[in-house]
Amino acid sequence: MMSVVRLGLLVLVGCGRVAFDERAVDGAMGDGAAATCERGPWKDVTRQLALVTPNNDWEPAISPDGLEVVYGLSLPPTSSRLMFSVRGSRTATFDPPVEIVGLGNQPYAPSWSPDGTKLYYRTLDDDVSHVARYLGGGQFSDVQLIEVAPACQNFVLTRDENEIFCTTYVATTEARVGWFERAGLGAPWIAQVLPAGVNEMAGNTFNGWPGFDEGRQDLYWERHEDPDSAIYVVHRESADAPFGAPRKVTELGAAADPDVSADGFTMVLSVSGPDGYDVATATRDCL
């Protein structure tokens, strides 16, 4: 039987909010000068052909280094699998995927830990959150049940793991972007209030599937719009500053499920294809 652990006990102990140091990420990739550059708009939305199937390929989660992706493969009528793919560099396309085994029955909603050592996900069988340790090469082990912020799924954590953005379901047909903070690891999660307009329900019932670019303090999420979905973003100047007004990321077109690499140069997302959603990437450069 799998044990239940608290999310905060899976990481090194720390206190309070810690600012994200872009130099640590960009410098590790040989591009220290990029740490402080201003990013340009998203561009080159590219469907990853090696990952395309006649089914829905969606909810992609990119590893912090931008080289590995885990995503959901939805099979009719209600089956779900998690797939893994890797690429040789941040400018390369992803290789043909392999199915991740050993995660339980029908896993979905993947997200990486901020340090890339663990994978969080849920399963359709029990509809609770799990965590698995990443061994490398698409191999995972040591699956455990975990407790996260209330009603959170498809979540993304900040590097200190004291802030979480997620999808929260108000009902089976209505979702919101959730935002929770805590004073330190093991402390209770406290719900925060996002700006008016983030969870606006004008003509749609779903907002969620967030991605967070911590280096630039940009929160992205998907909004269901008629006839398709779009990605929106809100920005704040620092971890302690309020979020500003939301805007639609028009350069991404009709898209869903945004997730951003730690260096802020790569986004994985889902785009509509002839047979459902497909996994795609978008990039941006220093201005």
Foldseek 3Di string as FASTA:
>chain_A
DFAEEAPLVVDDWDFADDADQLQVLCVVVVRNVLLPFDWDAWADWFFQVLFDDLFAWFQWEAAQNRFKIWTWTADPPGAIFIWIWGDDHNPDGTHRIDTAPDQDGRWHLWYAANNRQKIWIAHPVVRFIWIWGDPDPSYTHDIHTYDDAPQFTSKYADNQRQKIWGWHAPDPQAIAIWIWGARTRPGHTDTDDADPPQRDDVQGRDKGLWAAQSSQQKIKIWTAHVPAIFIKIWGARTPPGHTDDIDTSPNNPGWHNWYAHNSRFKIWTWDQDPSHIGIIMIGIDGD
